[in-house]
Amino acid sequence: MKQDEANPISATAPTLGGRALASQRWAHLVFLHWRVDAARVAPLLPPGLVPDEYDGSSWVGLIPFVLDRATVLSSPPIPYFGTFVEVNVRLYAVDSRGRRGVVFVSLEASRLAAVLTARAVFSLPYVWSRTRLSIDSGEYRYSSTRHGDRTKHTAIVARPGSALVVHDALADFLTARWALFTSIRGRTVHLRNHHEPWRLYSAALLSLDDTLLAAAGFAGLAQRVPDSVLYSPGVTTWFGRDA
């Protein structure tokens, strides 16, 4: 697959095929992204995928947010187990059909039941961690520490700005992702999602103390200033099949 043969990036999600199988609300997202050479990303992708690139680079994201109001098959929102702070490290890939998607290297979450379910059903690399968000004087303070391995942690302090980000090709590349790829029993699977277009704002990273990026295979990245910092108040997301 050549990069120029991939499906075009669109800020508007394509429709799902049939009824949604599950939904979640994602709130208070901070998108931190760094440029990296595609050769560093390729070995971490499931079989059949190649790194997705923008402006000659592949990209690594460190993204904290609040996940809540989780539902399954039109159920009411799941209390407690369906609400937690998540921090993920993610990459961007393209398959042989030109479909773009996210590949998660790690996902930190504080609800053990959610961690075990996601690992068992979707083979997603969730890790049980102590995750938190506090908001004070306009500063968003996210933290995560893995249970059983306190050396794997992150502490992110960011301040959302007031400038709305529109018609920004890089922002769309990094956030307008309507699928994830995962490997289930040795087979690379494409799982779709759908939500309203992101409402994105500029943001400032005030401090970062992180070892998750190094644990994911990107030593030294956390010591660099991110190449993109964005904030979104959030969206409600539905999961299902391709149309």
C-alpha atoms as a PDB file:
ATOM      1  CA  MET A   1       0.000   0.000   0.000  1.00  0.00           C
ATOM      2  CA  LYS A   2       1.431   3.357  -1.078  1.00  0.00           C
ATOM      3  CA  GLN A   3       0.676   6.316   1.163  1.00  0.00           C
ATOM      4  CA  ASP A   4      -1.148   8.210  -1.603  1.00  0.00           C
ATOM      5  CA  GLU A   5      -3.455   5.204  -2.135  1.00  0.00           C
ATOM      6  CA  ALA A   6      -4.901   5.301   1.390  1.00  0.00           C
ATOM      7  CA  ASN A   7      -8.480   6.418   1.879  1.00  0.00           C
ATOM      8  CA  PRO A   8      -8.734  10.187   2.266  1.00  0.00           C
ATOM      9  CA  ILE A   9      -8.876  11.706   5.751  1.00  0.00           C
ATOM     10  CA  SER A  10     -12.316  13.108   6.561  1.00  0.00           C
ATOM     11  CA  ALA A  11     -13.335  15.132   9.610  1.00  0.00           C
ATOM     12  CA  THR A  12     -16.814  13.581   9.253  1.00  0.00           C
ATOM     13  CA  ALA A  13     -17.204   9.912  10.158  1.00  0.00           C
ATOM     14  CA  PRO A  14     -18.651   7.468   7.647  1.00  0.00           C
ATOM     15  CA  THR A  15     -21.839   5.773   8.786  1.00  0.00           C
ATOM     16  CA  LEU A  16     -21.843   2.455  10.576  1.00  0.00           C
ATOM     17  CA  GLY A  17     -23.386  -0.642   9.086  1.00  0.00           C
ATOM     18  CA  GLY A  18     -26.516  -1.475  11.067  1.00  0.00           C
ATOM     19  CA  ARG A  19     -27.156  -0.771  14.721  1.00  0.00           C
ATOM     20  CA  ALA A  20     -24.392   0.336  17.066  1.00  0.00           C
ATOM     21  CA  LEU A  21     -23.068  -2.444  19.292  1.00  0.00           C
ATOM     22  CA  ALA A  22     -21.804  -0.188  22.067  1.00  0.00           C
ATOM     23  CA  SER A  23     -21.250   3.445  22.948  1.00  0.00           C
ATOM     24  CA  GLN A  24     -19.035   5.564  25.204  1.00  0.00           C
ATOM     25  CA  ARG A  25     -18.567   9.214  25.986  1.00  0.00           C
ATOM     26  CA  TRP A  26     -14.999  10.507  25.759  1.00  0.00           C
ATOM     27  CA  ALA A  27     -14.497  13.776  27.649  1.00  0.00           C
ATOM     28  CA  HIS A  28     -11.673  16.206  28.450  1.00  0.00           C
ATOM     29  CA  LEU A  29      -9.235  14.796  25.928  1.00  0.00           C
ATOM     30  CA  VAL A  30      -5.691  16.113  25.561  1.00  0.00           C
ATOM     31  CA  PHE A  31      -3.954  14.995  22.378  1.00  0.00           C
ATOM     32  CA  LEU A  32      -0.137  15.042  22.644  1.00  0.00           C
ATOM     33  CA  HIS A  33       1.666  13.988  19.481  1.00  0.00           C
ATOM     34  CA  TRP A  34       5.249  13.606  18.354  1.00  0.00           C
ATOM     35  CA  ARG A  35       6.775  13.027  14.941  1.00  0.00           C
ATOM     36  CA  VAL A  36       8.751   9.799  14.637  1.00  0.00           C
ATOM     37  CA  ASP A  37      10.402   7.912  11.828  1.00  0.00           C
ATOM     38  CA  ALA A  38       8.085   5.307  10.314  1.00  0.00           C
ATOM     39  CA  ALA A  39      10.786   2.679  10.802  1.00  0.00           C
ATOM     40  CA  ARG A  40      10.258   2.956  14.584  1.00  0.00           C
ATOM     41  CA  VAL A  41       6.514   2.391  14.218  1.00  0.00           C
ATOM     42  CA  ALA A  42       6.400  -0.449  11.686  1.00  0.00           C
ATOM     43  CA  PRO A  43       7.602  -3.272  14.020  1.00  0.00           C
ATOM     44  CA  LEU A  44       4.849  -2.453  16.519  1.00  0.00           C
ATOM     45  CA  LEU A  45       1.942  -2.848  14.085  1.00  0.00           C
ATOM     46  CA  PRO A  46      -0.212  -5.966  13.631  1.00  0.00           C
ATOM     47  CA  PRO A  47       0.428  -8.057  10.488  1.00  0.00           C
ATOM     48  CA  GLY A  48      -0.694  -6.521   7.200  1.00  0.00           C
ATOM     49  CA  LEU A  49      -0.442  -2.896   8.348  1.00  0.00           C
ATOM     50  CA  VAL A  50       2.004  -0.155   7.430  1.00  0.00           C
ATOM     51  CA  PRO A  51       2.611   3.154   9.234  1.00  0.00           C
ATOM     52  CA  ASP A  52       0.326   6.012   8.248  1.00  0.00           C
ATOM     53  CA  GLU A  53       2.337   9.158   7.564  1.00  0.00           C
ATOM     54  CA  TYR A  54       1.737  12.886   7.406  1.00  0.00           C
ATOM     55  CA  ASP A  55       4.294  15.366   6.131  1.00  0.00           C
ATOM     56  CA  GLY A  56       6.886  12.605   5.787  1.00  0.00           C
ATOM     57  CA  SER A  57       6.538  11.363   9.361  1.00  0.00           C
ATOM     58  CA  SER A  58       4.677   8.793  11.351  1.00  0.00           C
ATOM     59  CA  TRP A  59       3.225   9.979  14.650  1.00  0.00           C
ATOM     60  CA  VAL A  60       2.951   8.741  18.240  1.00  0.00           C
ATOM     61  CA  GLY A  61       0.127   9.940  20.489  1.00  0.00           C
ATOM     62  CA  LEU A  62      -0.135  10.112  24.272  1.00  0.00           C
ATOM     63  CA  ILE A  63      -3.781  10.814  25.051  1.00  0.00           C
ATOM     64  CA  PRO A  64      -5.464  11.115  28.465  1.00  0.00           C
ATOM     65  CA  PHE A  65      -9.234  11.496  28.823  1.00  0.00           C
ATOM     66  CA  VAL A  66     -12.312  10.512  30.798  1.00  0.00           C
ATOM     67  CA  LEU A  67     -14.371   7.566  29.552  1.00  0.00           C
ATOM     68  CA  ASP A  68     -17.913   7.351  30.892  1.00  0.00           C
ATOM     69  CA  ARG A  69     -21.542   6.575  30.009  1.00  0.00           C
ATOM     70  CA  ALA A  70     -20.478   3.253  28.505  1.00  0.00           C
ATOM     71  CA  THR A  71     -23.324   1.141  27.090  1.00  0.00           C
ATOM     72  CA  VAL A  72     -23.583  -2.252  25.400  1.00  0.00           C
ATOM     73  CA  LEU A  73     -26.378  -3.104  22.935  1.00  0.00           C
ATOM     74  CA  SER A  74     -28.499  -0.100  23.943  1.00  0.00           C
ATOM     75  CA  SER A  75     -28.206  -0.847  27.646  1.00  0.00           C
ATOM     76  CA  PRO A  76     -28.395   1.979  30.185  1.00  0.00           C
ATOM     77  CA  PRO A  77     -24.988   3.496  31.036  1.00  0.00           C
ATOM     78  CA  ILE A  78     -22.954   1.023  33.070  1.00  0.00           C
ATOM     79  CA  PRO A  79     -22.335   2.454  36.561  1.00  0.00           C
ATOM     80  CA  TYR A  80     -18.828   2.549  38.063  1.00  0.00           C
ATOM     81  CA  PHE A  81     -17.171  -0.009  35.752  1.00  0.00           C
ATOM     82  CA  GLY A  82     -18.101   2.117  32.733  1.00  0.00           C
ATOM     83  CA  THR A  83     -16.491   5.279  34.115  1.00  0.00           C
ATOM     84  CA  PHE A  84     -12.748   5.867  34.446  1.00  0.00           C
ATOM     85  CA  VAL A  85      -9.797   7.969  33.343  1.00  0.00           C
ATOM     86  CA  GLU A  86      -7.821   6.391  30.501  1.00  0.00           C
ATOM     87  CA  VAL A  87      -4.370   7.186  29.162  1.00  0.00           C
ATOM     88  CA  ASN A  88      -3.320   5.560  25.910  1.00  0.00           C
ATOM     89  CA  VAL A  89      -0.272   5.437  23.684  1.00  0.00           C
ATOM     90  CA  ARG A  90      -1.331   5.064  20.077  1.00  0.00           C
ATOM     91  CA  LEU A  91       0.013   4.815  16.544  1.00  0.00           C
ATOM     92  CA  TYR A  92      -1.522   5.280  13.085  1.00  0.00           C
ATOM     93  CA  ALA A  93      -1.679   2.625  10.382  1.00  0.00           C
ATOM     94  CA  VAL A  94      -3.121   1.726   6.984  1.00  0.00           C
ATOM     95  CA  ASP A  95      -4.152  -1.726   5.763  1.00  0.00           C
ATOM     96  CA  SER A  96      -3.947  -3.242   2.273  1.00  0.00           C
ATOM     97  CA  ARG A  97      -7.428  -1.883   1.439  1.00  0.00           C
ATOM     98  CA  GLY A  98      -6.386   1.676   2.228  1.00  0.00           C
ATOM     99  CA  ARG A  99      -8.354   1.805   5.474  1.00  0.00           C
ATOM    100  CA  ARG A 100      -6.860   4.040   8.119  1.00  0.00           C
ATOM    101  CA  GLY A 101      -7.021   3.374  11.841  1.00  0.00           C
ATOM    102  CA  VAL A 102      -5.475   3.619  15.274  1.00  0.00           C
ATOM    103  CA  VAL A 103      -3.217   0.974  16.787  1.00  0.00           C
ATOM    104  CA  PHE A 104      -2.947   1.034  20.569  1.00  0.00           C
ATOM    105  CA  VAL A 105       0.369   0.126  22.150  1.00  0.00           C
ATOM    106  CA  SER A 106      -0.971   0.510  25.683  1.00  0.00           C
ATOM    107  CA  LEU A 107      -4.117   1.712  27.455  1.00  0.00           C
ATOM    108  CA  GLU A 108      -4.076   2.532  31.159  1.00  0.00           C
ATOM    109  CA  ALA A 109      -7.400   2.249  33.037  1.00  0.00           C
ATOM    110  CA  SER A 110      -8.497   2.062  36.663  1.00  0.00           C
ATOM    111  CA  ARG A 111     -11.361  -0.442  36.344  1.00  0.00           C
ATOM    112  CA  LEU A 112     -10.052  -4.008  36.455  1.00  0.00           C
ATOM    113  CA  ALA A 113     -13.260  -5.478  35.026  1.00  0.00           C
ATOM    114  CA  ALA A 114     -13.027  -3.191  31.980  1.00  0.00           C
ATOM    115  CA  VAL A 115      -9.342  -4.052  31.548  1.00  0.00           C
ATOM    116  CA  LEU A 116      -9.960  -7.807  31.641  1.00  0.00           C
ATOM    117  CA  THR A 117     -12.970  -7.601  29.296  1.00  0.00           C
ATOM    118  CA  ALA A 118     -11.177  -5.496  26.683  1.00  0.00           C
ATOM    119  CA  ARG A 119      -8.140  -7.775  26.759  1.00  0.00           C
ATOM    120  CA  ALA A 120     -10.212 -10.957  26.499  1.00  0.00           C
ATOM    121  CA  VAL A 121     -12.735  -9.857  23.864  1.00  0.00           C
ATOM    122  CA  PHE A 122     -10.731  -7.472  21.664  1.00  0.00           C
ATOM    123  CA  SER A 123      -7.105  -8.286  22.546  1.00  0.00           C
ATOM    124  CA  LEU A 124      -6.549  -4.630  23.382  1.00  0.00           C
ATOM    125  CA  PRO A 125      -3.459  -4.020  25.558  1.00  0.00           C
ATOM    126  CA  TYR A 126      -5.259  -2.498  28.544  1.00  0.00           C
ATOM    127  CA  VAL A 127      -3.299  -2.340  31.790  1.00  0.00           C
ATOM    128  CA  TRP A 128      -4.789  -1.967  35.258  1.00  0.00           C
ATOM    129  CA  SER A 129      -3.514   1.318  36.655  1.00  0.00           C
ATOM    130  CA  ARG A 130      -4.385   3.997  39.146  1.00  0.00           C
ATOM    131  CA  THR A 131      -5.616   6.826  36.915  1.00  0.00           C
ATOM    132  CA  ARG A 132      -6.858  10.252  37.927  1.00  0.00           C
ATOM    133  CA  LEU A 133      -7.874  13.661  36.610  1.00  0.00           C
ATOM    134  CA  SER A 134      -8.129  16.845  38.620  1.00  0.00           C
ATOM    135  CA  ILE A 135      -9.050  20.252  37.222  1.00  0.00           C
ATOM    136  CA  ASP A 136      -7.885  23.386  39.006  1.00  0.00           C
ATOM    137  CA  SER A 137      -7.770  26.983  37.767  1.00  0.00           C
ATOM    138  CA  GLY A 138      -8.063  25.862  34.154  1.00  0.00           C
ATOM    139  CA  GLU A 139      -5.260  23.295  34.451  1.00  0.00           C
ATOM    140  CA  TYR A 140      -6.019  19.642  33.655  1.00  0.00           C
ATOM    141  CA  ARG A 141      -3.845  17.274  35.683  1.00  0.00           C
ATOM    142  CA  TYR A 142      -3.862  13.651  34.582  1.00  0.00           C
ATOM    143  CA  SER A 143      -1.900  10.894  36.288  1.00  0.00           C
ATOM    144  CA  SER A 144      -1.509   7.155  35.914  1.00  0.00           C
ATOM    145  CA  THR A 145       0.602   4.572  37.745  1.00  0.00           C
ATOM    146  CA  ARG A 146       0.476   0.869  36.938  1.00  0.00           C
ATOM    147  CA  HIS A 147      -0.467  -1.553  39.684  1.00  0.00           C
ATOM    148  CA  GLY A 148       2.484  -3.841  40.302  1.00  0.00           C
ATOM    149  CA  ASP A 149       4.971  -1.675  38.396  1.00  0.00           C
ATOM    150  CA  ARG A 150       5.209   1.889  39.609  1.00  0.00           C
ATOM    151  CA  THR A 151       8.017   2.597  37.136  1.00  0.00           C
ATOM    152  CA  LYS A 152       5.350   2.753  34.393  1.00  0.00           C
ATOM    153  CA  HIS A 153       3.607   6.041  34.981  1.00  0.00           C
ATOM    154  CA  THR A 154       2.644   9.394  33.547  1.00  0.00           C
ATOM    155  CA  ALA A 155       1.780  12.823  34.903  1.00  0.00           C
ATOM    156  CA  ILE A 156       0.415  15.338  32.399  1.00  0.00           C
ATOM    157  CA  VAL A 157      -0.534  18.938  33.112  1.00  0.00           C
ATOM    158  CA  ALA A 158      -2.180  20.855  30.260  1.00  0.00           C
ATOM    159  CA  ARG A 159      -4.127  24.053  29.843  1.00  0.00           C
ATOM    160  CA  PRO A 160      -6.741  24.236  27.055  1.00  0.00           C
ATOM    161  CA  GLY A 161      -6.734  27.417  25.014  1.00  0.00           C
ATOM    162  CA  SER A 162      -9.622  29.396  23.604  1.00  0.00           C
ATOM    163  CA  ALA A 163      -8.650  29.219  19.933  1.00  0.00           C
ATOM    164  CA  LEU A 164     -10.838  26.801  17.984  1.00  0.00           C
ATOM    165  CA  VAL A 165      -8.831  24.662  15.544  1.00  0.00           C
ATOM    166  CA  VAL A 166     -10.569  24.433  12.147  1.00  0.00           C
ATOM    167  CA  HIS A 167      -9.506  23.425   8.638  1.00  0.00           C
ATOM    168  CA  ASP A 168      -6.248  22.016  10.001  1.00  0.00           C
ATOM    169  CA  ALA A 169      -5.016  19.039   7.983  1.00  0.00           C
ATOM    170  CA  LEU A 170      -2.629  17.779  10.671  1.00  0.00           C
ATOM    171  CA  ALA A 171      -5.289  17.985  13.392  1.00  0.00           C
ATOM    172  CA  ASP A 172      -7.661  15.997  11.185  1.00  0.00           C
ATOM    173  CA  PHE A 173      -4.960  13.389  10.489  1.00  0.00           C
ATOM    174  CA  LEU A 174      -4.323  12.905  14.204  1.00  0.00           C
ATOM    175  CA  THR A 175      -7.905  12.931  15.485  1.00  0.00           C
ATOM    176  CA  ALA A 176     -10.323  12.041  12.653  1.00  0.00           C
ATOM    177  CA  ARG A 177      -9.863   8.302  13.057  1.00  0.00           C
ATOM    178  CA  TRP A 178     -12.906   6.157  12.503  1.00  0.00           C
ATOM    179  CA  ALA A 179     -11.492   2.715  13.284  1.00  0.00           C
ATOM    180  CA  LEU A 180      -8.959   0.806  15.301  1.00  0.00           C
ATOM    181  CA  PHE A 181      -6.863  -2.185  14.330  1.00  0.00           C
ATOM    182  CA  THR A 182      -6.165  -5.053  16.690  1.00  0.00           C
ATOM    183  CA  SER A 183      -4.861  -8.589  16.359  1.00  0.00           C
ATOM    184  CA  ILE A 184      -7.276 -11.279  17.548  1.00  0.00           C
ATOM    185  CA  ARG A 185      -5.956 -14.844  17.513  1.00  0.00           C
ATOM    186  CA  GLY A 186      -3.343 -13.879  14.943  1.00  0.00           C
ATOM    187  CA  ARG A 187      -5.777 -12.114  12.608  1.00  0.00           C
ATOM    188  CA  THR A 188      -5.709  -8.346  12.111  1.00  0.00           C
ATOM    189  CA  VAL A 189      -9.193  -6.967  12.734  1.00  0.00           C
ATOM    190  CA  HIS A 190     -10.652  -3.564  11.769  1.00  0.00           C
ATOM    191  CA  LEU A 191     -13.203  -2.204  14.281  1.00  0.00           C
ATOM    192  CA  ARG A 192     -15.280   0.878  13.379  1.00  0.00           C
ATOM    193  CA  ASN A 193     -16.463   3.831  15.419  1.00  0.00           C
ATOM    194  CA  HIS A 194     -18.597   6.877  14.698  1.00  0.00           C
ATOM    195  CA  HIS A 195     -19.051  10.248  16.381  1.00  0.00           C
ATOM    196  CA  GLU A 196     -19.690  13.876  15.565  1.00  0.00           C
ATOM    197  CA  PRO A 197     -16.731  15.885  14.242  1.00  0.00           C
ATOM    198  CA  TRP A 198     -14.255  16.835  16.932  1.00  0.00           C
ATOM    199  CA  ARG A 199     -14.443  20.277  18.501  1.00  0.00           C
ATOM    200  CA  LEU A 200     -10.739  20.966  18.927  1.00  0.00           C
ATOM    201  CA  TYR A 201      -8.889  23.768  20.680  1.00  0.00           C
ATOM    202  CA  SER A 202      -5.270  24.736  20.906  1.00  0.00           C
ATOM    203  CA  ALA A 203      -3.669  23.767  24.214  1.00  0.00           C
ATOM    204  CA  ALA A 204      -0.432  24.201  26.138  1.00  0.00           C
ATOM    205  CA  LEU A 205       1.485  21.354  27.750  1.00  0.00           C
ATOM    206  CA  LEU A 206       2.662  22.743  31.108  1.00  0.00           C
ATOM    207  CA  SER A 207       4.553  19.673  32.312  1.00  0.00           C
ATOM    208  CA  LEU A 208       5.100  16.021  31.459  1.00  0.00           C
ATOM    209  CA  ASP A 209       6.678  13.272  33.565  1.00  0.00           C
ATOM    210  CA  ASP A 210       6.187  10.100  31.577  1.00  0.00           C
ATOM    211  CA  THR A 211       7.627   6.613  31.148  1.00  0.00           C
ATOM    212  CA  LEU A 212       4.738   5.115  29.126  1.00  0.00           C
ATOM    213  CA  LEU A 213       6.198   6.300  25.831  1.00  0.00           C
ATOM    214  CA  ALA A 214       9.549   4.665  26.595  1.00  0.00           C
ATOM    215  CA  ALA A 215       7.785   1.455  27.688  1.00  0.00           C
ATOM    216  CA  ALA A 216       5.960   1.477  24.337  1.00  0.00           C
ATOM    217  CA  GLY A 217       9.279   1.554  22.480  1.00  0.00           C
ATOM    218  CA  PHE A 218       9.913   5.292  22.132  1.00  0.00           C
ATOM    219  CA  ALA A 219      12.741   6.062  24.507  1.00  0.00           C
ATOM    220  CA  GLY A 220      13.549   9.751  24.802  1.00  0.00           C
ATOM    221  CA  LEU A 221      10.321  10.946  23.233  1.00  0.00           C
ATOM    222  CA  ALA A 222       8.881  12.320  26.461  1.00  0.00           C
ATOM    223  CA  GLN A 223      11.898  14.603  26.797  1.00  0.00           C
ATOM    224  CA  ARG A 224      11.015  16.310  23.516  1.00  0.00           C
ATOM    225  CA  VAL A 225       8.443  19.065  23.167  1.00  0.00           C
ATOM    226  CA  PRO A 226       5.350  17.601  21.424  1.00  0.00           C
ATOM    227  CA  ASP A 227       4.832  18.606  17.811  1.00  0.00           C
ATOM    228  CA  SER A 228       1.086  18.966  18.362  1.00  0.00           C
ATOM    229  CA  VAL A 229      -0.986  19.698  21.484  1.00  0.00           C
ATOM    230  CA  LEU A 230      -4.785  19.806  21.215  1.00  0.00           C
ATOM    231  CA  TYR A 231      -7.772  19.669  23.555  1.00  0.00           C
ATOM    232  CA  SER A 232     -11.377  18.587  23.054  1.00  0.00           C
ATOM    233  CA  PRO A 233     -14.275  18.763  25.517  1.00  0.00           C
ATOM    234  CA  GLY A 234     -15.366  15.444  24.051  1.00  0.00           C
ATOM    235  CA  VAL A 235     -17.821  13.398  22.014  1.00  0.00           C
ATOM    236  CA  THR A 236     -20.176  10.452  22.363  1.00  0.00           C
ATOM    237  CA  THR A 237     -18.877   7.543  20.296  1.00  0.00           C
ATOM    238  CA  TRP A 238     -20.697   4.535  18.840  1.00  0.00           C
ATOM    239  CA  PHE A 239     -19.054   1.282  17.798  1.00  0.00           C
ATOM    240  CA  GLY A 240     -20.205  -1.072  15.082  1.00  0.00           C
ATOM    241  CA  ARG A 241     -19.487  -2.526  11.665  1.00  0.00           C
ATOM    242  CA  ASP A 242     -18.549  -0.999   8.329  1.00  0.00           C
ATOM    243  CA  ALA A 243     -21.484   0.151   6.237  1.00  0.00           C
END
